[in-house]
Amino acid sequence: LIVTDGKDFFSEEKRDTHHFTETMGDGIPA
């Protein structure tokens, strides 16, 4: 996602955020 207010704020999800990734459960590829 690209997030903007249409004026002065532009944010690219992969570059402008802290990421926290976890699996939904052991052995589940989700």
mmCIF file of all heavy atoms, coordinates in Angstrom:
data_MODEL
# 
_entry.id   MODEL 
# 
loop_
_atom_site.group_PDB 
_atom_site.id 
_atom_site.type_symbol 
_atom_site.label_atom_id 
_atom_site.label_alt_id 
_atom_site.label_comp_id 
_atom_site.label_asym_id 
_atom_site.label_entity_id 
_atom_site.label_seq_id 
_atom_site.pdbx_PDB_ins_code 
_atom_site.Cartn_x 
_atom_site.Cartn_y 
_atom_site.Cartn_z 
_atom_site.occupancy 
_atom_site.B_iso_or_equiv 
_atom_site.pdbx_formal_charge 
_atom_site.auth_seq_id 
_atom_site.auth_comp_id 
_atom_site.auth_asym_id 
_atom_site.auth_atom_id 
_atom_site.pdbx_PDB_model_num 
ATOM 1   N N   . LEU A 1 1  ? 0.839  -1.198  0.000  1.00 0.00 ? 1  LEU A N   1 
ATOM 2   C CA  . LEU A 1 1  ? 0.000  0.000   0.000  1.00 0.00 ? 1  LEU A CA  1 
ATOM 3   C C   . LEU A 1 1  ? 0.876  1.251   0.000  1.00 0.00 ? 1  LEU A C   1 
ATOM 4   O O   . LEU A 1 1  ? 1.945  1.273   0.602  1.00 0.00 ? 1  LEU A O   1 
ATOM 5   C CB  . LEU A 1 1  ? -0.902 0.024   1.233  1.00 0.00 ? 1  LEU A CB  1 
ATOM 6   C CG  . LEU A 1 1  ? -1.896 -1.133  1.363  1.00 0.00 ? 1  LEU A CG  1 
ATOM 7   C CD1 . LEU A 1 1  ? -2.667 -1.017  2.666  1.00 0.00 ? 1  LEU A CD1 1 
ATOM 8   C CD2 . LEU A 1 1  ? -2.835 -1.186  0.182  1.00 0.00 ? 1  LEU A CD2 1 
ATOM 9   N N   . ILE A 1 2  ? 0.390  2.257   -0.684 1.00 0.00 ? 2  ILE A N   1 
ATOM 10  C CA  . ILE A 1 2  ? 0.975  3.600   -0.631 1.00 0.00 ? 2  ILE A CA  1 
ATOM 11  C C   . ILE A 1 2  ? -0.054 4.462   0.096  1.00 0.00 ? 2  ILE A C   1 
ATOM 12  O O   . ILE A 1 2  ? -1.233 4.456   -0.259 1.00 0.00 ? 2  ILE A O   1 
ATOM 13  C CB  . ILE A 1 2  ? 1.221  4.173   -2.044 1.00 0.00 ? 2  ILE A CB  1 
ATOM 14  C CG1 . ILE A 1 2  ? 2.144  3.267   -2.856 1.00 0.00 ? 2  ILE A CG1 1 
ATOM 15  C CG2 . ILE A 1 2  ? 1.743  5.598   -1.969 1.00 0.00 ? 2  ILE A CG2 1 
ATOM 16  C CD1 . ILE A 1 2  ? 3.556  3.160   -2.352 1.00 0.00 ? 2  ILE A CD1 1 
ATOM 17  N N   . VAL A 1 3  ? 0.375  5.180   1.110  1.00 0.00 ? 3  VAL A N   1 
ATOM 18  C CA  . VAL A 1 3  ? -0.536 6.000   1.912  1.00 0.00 ? 3  VAL A CA  1 
ATOM 19  C C   . VAL A 1 3  ? -0.173 7.462   1.701  1.00 0.00 ? 3  VAL A C   1 
ATOM 20  O O   . VAL A 1 3  ? 0.995  7.845   1.813  1.00 0.00 ? 3  VAL A O   1 
ATOM 21  C CB  . VAL A 1 3  ? -0.429 5.631   3.411  1.00 0.00 ? 3  VAL A CB  1 
ATOM 22  C CG1 . VAL A 1 3  ? -1.377 6.494   4.240  1.00 0.00 ? 3  VAL A CG1 1 
ATOM 23  C CG2 . VAL A 1 3  ? -0.716 4.146   3.620  1.00 0.00 ? 3  VAL A CG2 1 
ATOM 24  N N   . THR A 1 4  ? -1.186 8.281   1.404  1.00 0.00 ? 4  THR A N   1 
ATOM 25  C CA  . THR A 1 4  ? -0.951 9.706   1.193  1.00 0.00 ? 4  THR A CA  1 
ATOM 26  C C   . THR A 1 4  ? -2.176 10.506  1.635  1.00 0.00 ? 4  THR A C   1 
ATOM 27  O O   . THR A 1 4  ? -3.286 9.982   1.684  1.00 0.00 ? 4  THR A O   1 
ATOM 28  C CB  . THR A 1 4  ? -0.632 10.017  -0.286 1.00 0.00 ? 4  THR A CB  1 
ATOM 29  O OG1 . THR A 1 4  ? -0.366 11.412  -0.440 1.00 0.00 ? 4  THR A OG1 1 
ATOM 30  C CG2 . THR A 1 4  ? -1.764 9.603   -1.206 1.00 0.00 ? 4  THR A CG2 1 
ATOM 31  N N   . ASP A 1 5  ? -1.948 11.770  1.946  1.00 0.00 ? 5  ASP A N   1 
ATOM 32  C CA  . ASP A 1 5  ? -3.075 12.658  2.226  1.00 0.00 ? 5  ASP A CA  1 
ATOM 33  C C   . ASP A 1 5  ? -3.395 13.508  0.996  1.00 0.00 ? 5  ASP A C   1 
ATOM 34  O O   . ASP A 1 5  ? -4.261 14.362  1.035  1.00 0.00 ? 5  ASP A O   1 
ATOM 35  C CB  . ASP A 1 5  ? -2.797 13.542  3.449  1.00 0.00 ? 5  ASP A CB  1 
ATOM 36  C CG  . ASP A 1 5  ? -1.642 14.511  3.243  1.00 0.00 ? 5  ASP A CG  1 
ATOM 37  O OD1 . ASP A 1 5  ? -1.050 14.545  2.141  1.00 0.00 ? 5  ASP A OD1 1 
ATOM 38  O OD2 . ASP A 1 5  ? -1.323 15.245  4.198  1.00 0.00 ? 5  ASP A OD2 1 
ATOM 39  N N   . GLY A 1 6  ? -2.666 13.273  -0.099 1.00 0.00 ? 6  GLY A N   1 
ATOM 40  C CA  . GLY A 1 6  ? -2.908 14.020  -1.332 1.00 0.00 ? 6  GLY A CA  1 
ATOM 41  C C   . GLY A 1 6  ? -2.209 15.365  -1.383 1.00 0.00 ? 6  GLY A C   1 
ATOM 42  O O   . GLY A 1 6  ? -2.284 16.060  -2.381 1.00 0.00 ? 6  GLY A O   1 
ATOM 43  N N   . LYS A 1 7  ? -1.497 15.718  -0.305 1.00 0.00 ? 7  LYS A N   1 
ATOM 44  C CA  . LYS A 1 7  ? -0.809 17.019  -0.268 1.00 0.00 ? 7  LYS A CA  1 
ATOM 45  C C   . LYS A 1 7  ? 0.657  16.847  0.121  1.00 0.00 ? 7  LYS A C   1 
ATOM 46  O O   . LYS A 1 7  ? 1.530  16.871  -0.720 1.00 0.00 ? 7  LYS A O   1 
ATOM 47  C CB  . LYS A 1 7  ? -1.503 17.967  0.704  1.00 0.00 ? 7  LYS A CB  1 
ATOM 48  C CG  . LYS A 1 7  ? -2.914 18.312  0.329  1.00 0.00 ? 7  LYS A CG  1 
ATOM 49  C CD  . LYS A 1 7  ? -3.518 19.246  1.342  1.00 0.00 ? 7  LYS A CD  1 
ATOM 50  C CE  . LYS A 1 7  ? -4.899 18.734  1.685  1.00 0.00 ? 7  LYS A CE  1 
ATOM 51  N NZ  . LYS A 1 7  ? -5.440 19.209  2.880  1.00 0.00 ? 7  LYS A NZ  1 
ATOM 52  N N   . ASP A 1 8  ? 0.908  16.717  1.431  1.00 0.00 ? 8  ASP A N   1 
ATOM 53  C CA  . ASP A 1 8  ? 2.303  16.684  1.901  1.00 0.00 ? 8  ASP A CA  1 
ATOM 54  C C   . ASP A 1 8  ? 2.761  15.362  2.505  1.00 0.00 ? 8  ASP A C   1 
ATOM 55  O O   . ASP A 1 8  ? 3.901  15.250  2.874  1.00 0.00 ? 8  ASP A O   1 
ATOM 56  C CB  . ASP A 1 8  ? 2.605  17.780  2.926  1.00 0.00 ? 8  ASP A CB  1 
ATOM 57  C CG  . ASP A 1 8  ? 1.440  18.586  3.412  1.00 0.00 ? 8  ASP A CG  1 
ATOM 58  O OD1 . ASP A 1 8  ? 0.385  18.480  2.848  1.00 0.00 ? 8  ASP A OD1 1 
ATOM 59  O OD2 . ASP A 1 8  ? 1.608  19.344  4.359  1.00 0.00 ? 8  ASP A OD2 1 
ATOM 60  N N   . PHE A 1 9  ? 1.876  14.393  2.623  1.00 0.00 ? 9  PHE A N   1 
ATOM 61  C CA  . PHE A 1 9  ? 2.290  13.129  3.238  1.00 0.00 ? 9  PHE A CA  1 
ATOM 62  C C   . PHE A 1 9  ? 2.242  12.009  2.203  1.00 0.00 ? 9  PHE A C   1 
ATOM 63  O O   . PHE A 1 9  ? 1.231  11.794  1.531  1.00 0.00 ? 9  PHE A O   1 
ATOM 64  C CB  . PHE A 1 9  ? 1.375  12.774  4.419  1.00 0.00 ? 9  PHE A CB  1 
ATOM 65  C CG  . PHE A 1 9  ? 1.742  11.488  5.091  1.00 0.00 ? 9  PHE A CG  1 
ATOM 66  C CD1 . PHE A 1 9  ? 2.869  11.404  5.897  1.00 0.00 ? 9  PHE A CD1 1 
ATOM 67  C CD2 . PHE A 1 9  ? 0.976  10.354  4.904  1.00 0.00 ? 9  PHE A CD2 1 
ATOM 68  C CE1 . PHE A 1 9  ? 3.225  10.209  6.518  1.00 0.00 ? 9  PHE A CE1 1 
ATOM 69  C CE2 . PHE A 1 9  ? 1.315  9.152   5.518  1.00 0.00 ? 9  PHE A CE2 1 
ATOM 70  C CZ  . PHE A 1 9  ? 2.441  9.089   6.321  1.00 0.00 ? 9  PHE A CZ  1 
ATOM 71  N N   . PHE A 1 10 ? 3.366  11.288  2.073  1.00 0.00 ? 10 PHE A N   1 
ATOM 72  C CA  . PHE A 1 10 ? 3.477  10.139  1.179  1.00 0.00 ? 10 PHE A CA  1 
ATOM 73  C C   . PHE A 1 10 ? 4.277  9.078   1.904  1.00 0.00 ? 10 PHE A C   1 
ATOM 74  O O   . PHE A 1 10 ? 5.370  9.338   2.409  1.00 0.00 ? 10 PHE A O   1 
ATOM 75  C CB  . PHE A 1 10 ? 4.203  10.543  -0.116 1.00 0.00 ? 10 PHE A CB  1 
ATOM 76  C CG  . PHE A 1 10 ? 4.378  9.399   -1.071 1.00 0.00 ? 10 PHE A CG  1 
ATOM 77  C CD1 . PHE A 1 10 ? 3.428  9.142   -2.043 1.00 0.00 ? 10 PHE A CD1 1 
ATOM 78  C CD2 . PHE A 1 10 ? 5.493  8.575   -0.999 1.00 0.00 ? 10 PHE A CD2 1 
ATOM 79  C CE1 . PHE A 1 10 ? 3.586  8.092   -2.923 1.00 0.00 ? 10 PHE A CE1 1 
ATOM 80  C CE2 . PHE A 1 10 ? 5.657  7.517   -1.878 1.00 0.00 ? 10 PHE A CE2 1 
ATOM 81  C CZ  . PHE A 1 10 ? 4.703  7.269   -2.848 1.00 0.00 ? 10 PHE A CZ  1 
ATOM 82  N N   . SER A 1 11 ? 3.722  7.868   1.981  1.00 0.00 ? 11 SER A N   1 
ATOM 83  C CA  . SER A 1 11 ? 4.380  6.805   2.730  1.00 0.00 ? 11 SER A CA  1 
ATOM 84  C C   . SER A 1 11 ? 4.261  5.490   1.971  1.00 0.00 ? 11 SER A C   1 
ATOM 85  O O   . SER A 1 11 ? 3.157  5.066   1.615  1.00 0.00 ? 11 SER A O   1 
ATOM 86  C CB  . SER A 1 11 ? 3.719  6.679   4.112  1.00 0.00 ? 11 SER A CB  1 
ATOM 87  O OG  . SER A 1 11 ? 4.300  5.641   4.856  1.00 0.00 ? 11 SER A OG  1 
ATOM 88  N N   . GLU A 1 12 ? 5.404  4.848   1.713  1.00 0.00 ? 12 GLU A N   1 
ATOM 89  C CA  . GLU A 1 12 ? 5.432  3.549   1.065  1.00 0.00 ? 12 GLU A CA  1 
ATOM 90  C C   . GLU A 1 12 ? 5.534  2.485   2.154  1.00 0.00 ? 12 GLU A C   1 
ATOM 91  O O   . GLU A 1 12 ? 6.451  2.507   2.969  1.00 0.00 ? 12 GLU A O   1 
ATOM 92  C CB  . GLU A 1 12 ? 6.621  3.464   0.109  1.00 0.00 ? 12 GLU A CB  1 
ATOM 93  C CG  . GLU A 1 12 ? 6.659  2.185   -0.674 1.00 0.00 ? 12 GLU A CG  1 
ATOM 94  C CD  . GLU A 1 12 ? 7.832  2.113   -1.629 1.00 0.00 ? 12 GLU A CD  1 
ATOM 95  O OE1 . GLU A 1 12 ? 8.667  3.034   -1.663 1.00 0.00 ? 12 GLU A OE1 1 
ATOM 96  O OE2 . GLU A 1 12 ? 7.914  1.099   -2.329 1.00 0.00 ? 12 GLU A OE2 1 
ATOM 97  N N   . GLU A 1 13 ? 4.589  1.563   2.153  1.00 0.00 ? 13 GLU A N   1 
ATOM 98  C CA  . GLU A 1 13 ? 4.475  0.591   3.232  1.00 0.00 ? 13 GLU A CA  1 
ATOM 99  C C   . GLU A 1 13 ? 5.785  -0.145  3.519  1.00 0.00 ? 13 GLU A C   1 
ATOM 100 O O   . GLU A 1 13 ? 6.187  -0.286  4.669  1.00 0.00 ? 13 GLU A O   1 
ATOM 101 C CB  . GLU A 1 13 ? 3.364  -0.402  2.890  1.00 0.00 ? 13 GLU A CB  1 
ATOM 102 C CG  . GLU A 1 13 ? 3.060  -1.395  3.971  1.00 0.00 ? 13 GLU A CG  1 
ATOM 103 C CD  . GLU A 1 13 ? 1.940  -2.337  3.601  1.00 0.00 ? 13 GLU A CD  1 
ATOM 104 O OE1 . GLU A 1 13 ? 1.479  -2.331  2.432  1.00 0.00 ? 13 GLU A OE1 1 
ATOM 105 O OE2 . GLU A 1 13 ? 1.511  -3.081  4.491  1.00 0.00 ? 13 GLU A OE2 1 
ATOM 106 N N   . LYS A 1 14 ? 6.487  -0.637  2.495  1.00 0.00 ? 14 LYS A N   1 
ATOM 107 C CA  . LYS A 1 14 ? 7.683  -1.444  2.749  1.00 0.00 ? 14 LYS A CA  1 
ATOM 108 C C   . LYS A 1 14 ? 8.872  -0.611  3.229  1.00 0.00 ? 14 LYS A C   1 
ATOM 109 O O   . LYS A 1 14 ? 9.788  -1.146  3.832  1.00 0.00 ? 14 LYS A O   1 
ATOM 110 C CB  . LYS A 1 14 ? 8.074  -2.262  1.516  1.00 0.00 ? 14 LYS A CB  1 
ATOM 111 C CG  . LYS A 1 14 ? 8.675  -1.467  0.386  1.00 0.00 ? 14 LYS A CG  1 
ATOM 112 C CD  . LYS A 1 14 ? 9.070  -2.386  -0.746 1.00 0.00 ? 14 LYS A CD  1 
ATOM 113 C CE  . LYS A 1 14 ? 9.593  -1.579  -1.909 1.00 0.00 ? 14 LYS A CE  1 
ATOM 114 N NZ  . LYS A 1 14 ? 9.941  -2.435  -3.044 1.00 0.00 ? 14 LYS A NZ  1 
ATOM 115 N N   . ARG A 1 15 ? 8.879  0.670   2.964  1.00 0.00 ? 15 ARG A N   1 
ATOM 116 C CA  . ARG A 1 15 ? 10.029 1.517   3.331  1.00 0.00 ? 15 ARG A CA  1 
ATOM 117 C C   . ARG A 1 15 ? 9.789  2.381   4.568  1.00 0.00 ? 15 ARG A C   1 
ATOM 118 O O   . ARG A 1 15 ? 10.726 2.743   5.256  1.00 0.00 ? 15 ARG A O   1 
ATOM 119 C CB  . ARG A 1 15 ? 10.397 2.434   2.171  1.00 0.00 ? 15 ARG A CB  1 
ATOM 120 C CG  . ARG A 1 15 ? 10.809 1.715   0.927  1.00 0.00 ? 15 ARG A CG  1 
ATOM 121 C CD  . ARG A 1 15 ? 11.299 2.687   -0.136 1.00 0.00 ? 15 ARG A CD  1 
ATOM 122 N NE  . ARG A 1 15 ? 11.333 2.099   -1.447 1.00 0.00 ? 15 ARG A NE  1 
ATOM 123 C CZ  . ARG A 1 15 ? 12.210 1.199   -1.875 1.00 0.00 ? 15 ARG A CZ  1 
ATOM 124 N NH1 . ARG A 1 15 ? 13.139 0.772   -1.071 1.00 0.00 ? 15 ARG A NH1 1 
ATOM 125 N NH2 . ARG A 1 15 ? 12.145 0.723   -3.101 1.00 0.00 ? 15 ARG A NH2 1 
ATOM 126 N N   . ASP A 1 16 ? 8.536  2.741   4.818  1.00 0.00 ? 16 ASP A N   1 
ATOM 127 C CA  . ASP A 1 16 ? 8.237  3.748   5.835  1.00 0.00 ? 16 ASP A CA  1 
ATOM 128 C C   . ASP A 1 16 ? 7.479  3.204   7.042  1.00 0.00 ? 16 ASP A C   1 
ATOM 129 O O   . ASP A 1 16 ? 6.733  3.939   7.693  1.00 0.00 ? 16 ASP A O   1 
ATOM 130 C CB  . ASP A 1 16 ? 7.443  4.900   5.196  1.00 0.00 ? 16 ASP A CB  1 
ATOM 131 C CG  . ASP A 1 16 ? 8.220  5.558   4.058  1.00 0.00 ? 16 ASP A CG  1 
ATOM 132 O OD1 . ASP A 1 16 ? 9.439  5.732   4.205  1.00 0.00 ? 16 ASP A OD1 1 
ATOM 133 O OD2 . ASP A 1 16 ? 7.601  5.886   3.024  1.00 0.00 ? 16 ASP A OD2 1 
ATOM 134 N N   . THR A 1 17 ? 7.662  1.909   7.340  1.00 0.00 ? 17 THR A N   1 
ATOM 135 C CA  . THR A 1 17 ? 7.007  1.313   8.511  1.00 0.00 ? 17 THR A CA  1 
ATOM 136 C C   . THR A 1 17 ? 7.964  0.372   9.235  1.00 0.00 ? 17 THR A C   1 
ATOM 137 O O   . THR A 1 17 ? 8.935  -0.108  8.660  1.00 0.00 ? 17 THR A O   1 
ATOM 138 C CB  . THR A 1 17 ? 5.748  0.497   8.114  1.00 0.00 ? 17 THR A CB  1 
ATOM 139 O OG1 . THR A 1 17 ? 6.118  -0.591  7.273  1.00 0.00 ? 17 THR A OG1 1 
ATOM 140 C CG2 . THR A 1 17 ? 4.710  1.355   7.425  1.00 0.00 ? 17 THR A CG2 1 
ATOM 141 N N   . HIS A 1 18 ? 7.662  0.136   10.507 1.00 0.00 ? 18 HIS A N   1 
ATOM 142 C CA  . HIS A 1 18 ? 8.289  -0.961  11.266 1.00 0.00 ? 18 HIS A CA  1 
ATOM 143 C C   . HIS A 1 18 ? 7.434  -2.184  10.994 1.00 0.00 ? 18 HIS A C   1 
ATOM 144 O O   . HIS A 1 18 ? 6.206  -2.106  11.044 1.00 0.00 ? 18 HIS A O   1 
ATOM 145 C CB  . HIS A 1 18 ? 8.297  -0.668  12.771 1.00 0.00 ? 18 HIS A CB  1 
ATOM 146 C CG  . HIS A 1 18 ? 9.242  0.400   13.189 1.00 0.00 ? 18 HIS A CG  1 
ATOM 147 N ND1 . HIS A 1 18 ? 10.601 0.267   13.104 1.00 0.00 ? 18 HIS A ND1 1 
ATOM 148 C CD2 . HIS A 1 18 ? 9.006  1.629   13.694 1.00 0.00 ? 18 HIS A CD2 1 
ATOM 149 C CE1 . HIS A 1 18 ? 11.174 1.362   13.544 1.00 0.00 ? 18 HIS A CE1 1 
ATOM 150 N NE2 . HIS A 1 18 ? 10.222 2.220   13.909 1.00 0.00 ? 18 HIS A NE2 1 
ATOM 151 N N   . HIS A 1 19 ? 8.057  -3.333  10.725 1.00 0.00 ? 19 HIS A N   1 
ATOM 152 C CA  . HIS A 1 19 ? 7.337  -4.544  10.346 1.00 0.00 ? 19 HIS A CA  1 
ATOM 153 C C   . HIS A 1 19 ? 7.424  -5.589  11.451 1.00 0.00 ? 19 HIS A C   1 
ATOM 154 O O   . HIS A 1 19 ? 8.507  -5.835  11.986 1.00 0.00 ? 19 HIS A O   1 
ATOM 155 C CB  . HIS A 1 19 ? 7.927  -5.149  9.070  1.00 0.00 ? 19 HIS A CB  1 
ATOM 156 C CG  . HIS A 1 19 ? 8.378  -4.148  8.064  1.00 0.00 ? 19 HIS A CG  1 
ATOM 157 N ND1 . HIS A 1 19 ? 7.509  -3.307  7.409  1.00 0.00 ? 19 HIS A ND1 1 
ATOM 158 C CD2 . HIS A 1 19 ? 9.607  -3.834  7.616  1.00 0.00 ? 19 HIS A CD2 1 
ATOM 159 C CE1 . HIS A 1 19 ? 8.199  -2.534  6.595  1.00 0.00 ? 19 HIS A CE1 1 
ATOM 160 N NE2 . HIS A 1 19 ? 9.470  -2.826  6.710  1.00 0.00 ? 19 HIS A NE2 1 
ATOM 161 N N   . PHE A 1 20 ? 6.296  -6.211  11.744 1.00 0.00 ? 20 PHE A N   1 
ATOM 162 C CA  . PHE A 1 20 ? 6.230  -7.306  12.705 1.00 0.00 ? 20 PHE A CA  1 
ATOM 163 C C   . PHE A 1 20 ? 5.521  -8.472  12.004 1.00 0.00 ? 20 PHE A C   1 
ATOM 164 O O   . PHE A 1 20 ? 4.343  -8.357  11.676 1.00 0.00 ? 20 PHE A O   1 
ATOM 165 C CB  . PHE A 1 20 ? 5.479  -6.880  13.966 1.00 0.00 ? 20 PHE A CB  1 
ATOM 166 C CG  . PHE A 1 20 ? 6.057  -5.639  14.591 1.00 0.00 ? 20 PHE A CG  1 
ATOM 167 C CD1 . PHE A 1 20 ? 5.527  -4.391  14.306 1.00 0.00 ? 20 PHE A CD1 1 
ATOM 168 C CD2 . PHE A 1 20 ? 7.148  -5.729  15.441 1.00 0.00 ? 20 PHE A CD2 1 
ATOM 169 C CE1 . PHE A 1 20 ? 6.067  -3.242  14.861 1.00 0.00 ? 20 PHE A CE1 1 
ATOM 170 C CE2 . PHE A 1 20 ? 7.699  -4.580  16.008 1.00 0.00 ? 20 PHE A CE2 1 
ATOM 171 C CZ  . PHE A 1 20 ? 7.159  -3.341  15.718 1.00 0.00 ? 20 PHE A CZ  1 
ATOM 172 N N   . THR A 1 21 ? 6.245  -9.554  11.755 1.00 0.00 ? 21 THR A N   1 
ATOM 173 C CA  . THR A 1 21 ? 5.711  -10.698 11.011 1.00 0.00 ? 21 THR A CA  1 
ATOM 174 C C   . THR A 1 21 ? 5.743  -11.926 11.893 1.00 0.00 ? 21 THR A C   1 
ATOM 175 O O   . THR A 1 21 ? 6.749  -12.217 12.530 1.00 0.00 ? 21 THR A O   1 
ATOM 176 C CB  . THR A 1 21 ? 6.551  -10.961 9.738  1.00 0.00 ? 21 THR A CB  1 
ATOM 177 O OG1 . THR A 1 21 ? 6.560  -9.775  8.930  1.00 0.00 ? 21 THR A OG1 1 
ATOM 178 C CG2 . THR A 1 21 ? 5.987  -12.114 8.930  1.00 0.00 ? 21 THR A CG2 1 
ATOM 179 N N   . GLU A 1 22 ? 4.625  -12.663 11.928 1.00 0.00 ? 22 GLU A N   1 
ATOM 180 C CA  . GLU A 1 22 ? 4.582  -13.916 12.666 1.00 0.00 ? 22 GLU A CA  1 
ATOM 181 C C   . GLU A 1 22 ? 3.681  -14.904 11.937 1.00 0.00 ? 22 GLU A C   1 
ATOM 182 O O   . GLU A 1 22 ? 2.788  -14.500 11.186 1.00 0.00 ? 22 GLU A O   1 
ATOM 183 C CB  . GLU A 1 22 ? 4.104  -13.706 14.100 1.00 0.00 ? 22 GLU A CB  1 
ATOM 184 C CG  . GLU A 1 22 ? 2.745  -13.055 14.218 1.00 0.00 ? 22 GLU A CG  1 
ATOM 185 C CD  . GLU A 1 22 ? 2.415  -12.661 15.646 1.00 0.00 ? 22 GLU A CD  1 
ATOM 186 O OE1 . GLU A 1 22 ? 3.205  -12.946 16.564 1.00 0.00 ? 22 GLU A OE1 1 
ATOM 187 O OE2 . GLU A 1 22 ? 1.350  -12.065 15.845 1.00 0.00 ? 22 GLU A OE2 1 
ATOM 188 N N   . THR A 1 23 ? 3.933  -16.188 12.148 1.00 0.00 ? 23 THR A N   1 
ATOM 189 C CA  . THR A 1 23 ? 3.072  -17.206 11.554 1.00 0.00 ? 23 THR A CA  1 
ATOM 190 C C   . THR A 1 23 ? 1.792  -17.309 12.376 1.00 0.00 ? 23 THR A C   1 
ATOM 191 O O   . THR A 1 23 ? 1.764  -16.943 13.547 1.00 0.00 ? 23 THR A O   1 
ATOM 192 C CB  . THR A 1 23 ? 3.760  -18.584 11.499 1.00 0.00 ? 23 THR A CB  1 
ATOM 193 O OG1 . THR A 1 23 ? 4.092  -18.981 12.825 1.00 0.00 ? 23 THR A OG1 1 
ATOM 194 C CG2 . THR A 1 23 ? 5.006  -18.551 10.633 1.00 0.00 ? 23 THR A CG2 1 
ATOM 195 N N   . MET A 1 24 ? 0.746  -17.830 11.748 1.00 0.00 ? 24 MET A N   1 
ATOM 196 C CA  . MET A 1 24 ? -0.535 -17.989 12.445 1.00 0.00 ? 24 MET A CA  1 
ATOM 197 C C   . MET A 1 24 ? -0.516 -19.197 13.375 1.00 0.00 ? 24 MET A C   1 
ATOM 198 O O   . MET A 1 24 ? -1.411 -19.348 14.194 1.00 0.00 ? 24 MET A O   1 
ATOM 199 C CB  . MET A 1 24 ? -1.665 -18.091 11.447 1.00 0.00 ? 24 MET A CB  1 
ATOM 200 C CG  . MET A 1 24 ? -1.929 -16.793 10.740 1.00 0.00 ? 24 MET A CG  1 
ATOM 201 S SD  . MET A 1 24 ? -3.381 -16.971 9.708  1.00 0.00 ? 24 MET A SD  1 
ATOM 202 C CE  . MET A 1 24 ? -3.816 -15.270 9.447  1.00 0.00 ? 24 MET A CE  1 
ATOM 203 N N   . GLY A 1 25 ? 0.493  -20.041 13.235 1.00 0.00 ? 25 GLY A N   1 
ATOM 204 C CA  . GLY A 1 25 ? 0.622  -21.205 14.105 1.00 0.00 ? 25 GLY A CA  1 
ATOM 205 C C   . GLY A 1 25 ? 1.743  -22.096 13.609 1.00 0.00 ? 25 GLY A C   1 
ATOM 206 O O   . GLY A 1 25 ? 2.180  -21.979 12.461 1.00 0.00 ? 25 GLY A O   1 
ATOM 207 N N   . ASP A 1 26 ? 2.228  -22.974 14.454 1.00 0.00 ? 26 ASP A N   1 
ATOM 208 C CA  . ASP A 1 26 ? 3.310  -23.876 14.076 1.00 0.00 ? 26 ASP A CA  1 
ATOM 209 C C   . ASP A 1 26 ? 2.904  -24.734 12.880 1.00 0.00 ? 26 ASP A C   1 
ATOM 210 O O   . ASP A 1 26 ? 1.839  -25.358 12.888 1.00 0.00 ? 26 ASP A O   1 
ATOM 211 C CB  . ASP A 1 26 ? 3.692  -24.793 15.245 1.00 0.00 ? 26 ASP A CB  1 
ATOM 212 C CG  . ASP A 1 26 ? 4.393  -24.034 16.358 1.00 0.00 ? 26 ASP A CG  1 
ATOM 213 O OD1 . ASP A 1 26 ? 4.889  -22.920 16.100 1.00 0.00 ? 26 ASP A OD1 1 
ATOM 214 O OD2 . ASP A 1 26 ? 4.446  -24.566 17.482 1.00 0.00 ? 26 ASP A OD2 1 
ATOM 215 N N   . GLY A 1 27 ? 3.747  -24.753 11.863 1.00 0.00 ? 27 GLY A N   1 
ATOM 216 C CA  . GLY A 1 27 ? 3.502  -25.578 10.689 1.00 0.00 ? 27 GLY A CA  1 
ATOM 217 C C   . GLY A 1 27 ? 2.436  -25.061 9.746  1.00 0.00 ? 27 GLY A C   1 
ATOM 218 O O   . GLY A 1 27 ? 2.087  -25.729 8.781  1.00 0.00 ? 27 GLY A O   1 
ATOM 219 N N   . ILE A 1 28 ? 1.917  -23.862 9.993  1.00 0.00 ? 28 ILE A N   1 
ATOM 220 C CA  . ILE A 1 28 ? 0.881  -23.281 9.121  1.00 0.00 ? 28 ILE A CA  1 
ATOM 221 C C   . ILE A 1 28 ? 1.541  -22.200 8.262  1.00 0.00 ? 28 ILE A C   1 
ATOM 222 O O   . ILE A 1 28 ? 2.049  -21.220 8.791  1.00 0.00 ? 28 ILE A O   1 
ATOM 223 C CB  . ILE A 1 28 ? -0.267 -22.668 9.943  1.00 0.00 ? 28 ILE A CB  1 
ATOM 224 C CG1 . ILE A 1 28 ? -0.924 -23.731 10.811 1.00 0.00 ? 28 ILE A CG1 1 
ATOM 225 C CG2 . ILE A 1 28 ? -1.296 -22.020 9.019  1.00 0.00 ? 28 ILE A CG2 1 
ATOM 226 C CD1 . ILE A 1 28 ? -1.945 -23.195 11.777 1.00 0.00 ? 28 ILE A CD1 1 
ATOM 227 N N   . PRO A 1 29 ? 1.528  -22.369 6.927  1.00 0.00 ? 29 PRO A N   1 
ATOM 228 C CA  . PRO A 1 29 ? 2.181  -21.393 6.050  1.00 0.00 ? 29 PRO A CA  1 
ATOM 229 C C   . PRO A 1 29 ? 1.299  -20.165 5.799  1.00 0.00 ? 29 PRO A C   1 
ATOM 230 O O   . PRO A 1 29 ? 0.989  -19.807 4.673  1.00 0.00 ? 29 PRO A O   1 
ATOM 231 C CB  . PRO A 1 29 ? 2.426  -22.186 4.773  1.00 0.00 ? 29 PRO A CB  1 
ATOM 232 C CG  . PRO A 1 29 ? 1.305  -23.166 4.746  1.00 0.00 ? 29 PRO A CG  1 
ATOM 233 C CD  . PRO A 1 29 ? 1.012  -23.503 6.179  1.00 0.00 ? 29 PRO A CD  1 
ATOM 234 N N   . ALA A 1 30 ? 0.847  -19.541 6.873  1.00 0.00 ? 30 ALA A N   1 
ATOM 235 C CA  . ALA A 1 30 ? 0.027  -18.335 6.813  1.00 0.00 ? 30 ALA A CA  1 
ATOM 236 C C   . ALA A 1 30 ? 0.622  -17.332 7.802  1.00 0.00 ? 30 ALA A C   1 
ATOM 237 O O   . ALA A 1 30 ? 1.212  -17.719 8.806  1.00 0.00 ? 30 ALA A O   1 
ATOM 238 C CB  . ALA A 1 30 ? -1.412 -18.657 7.178  1.00 0.00 ? 30 ALA A CB  1 
# 
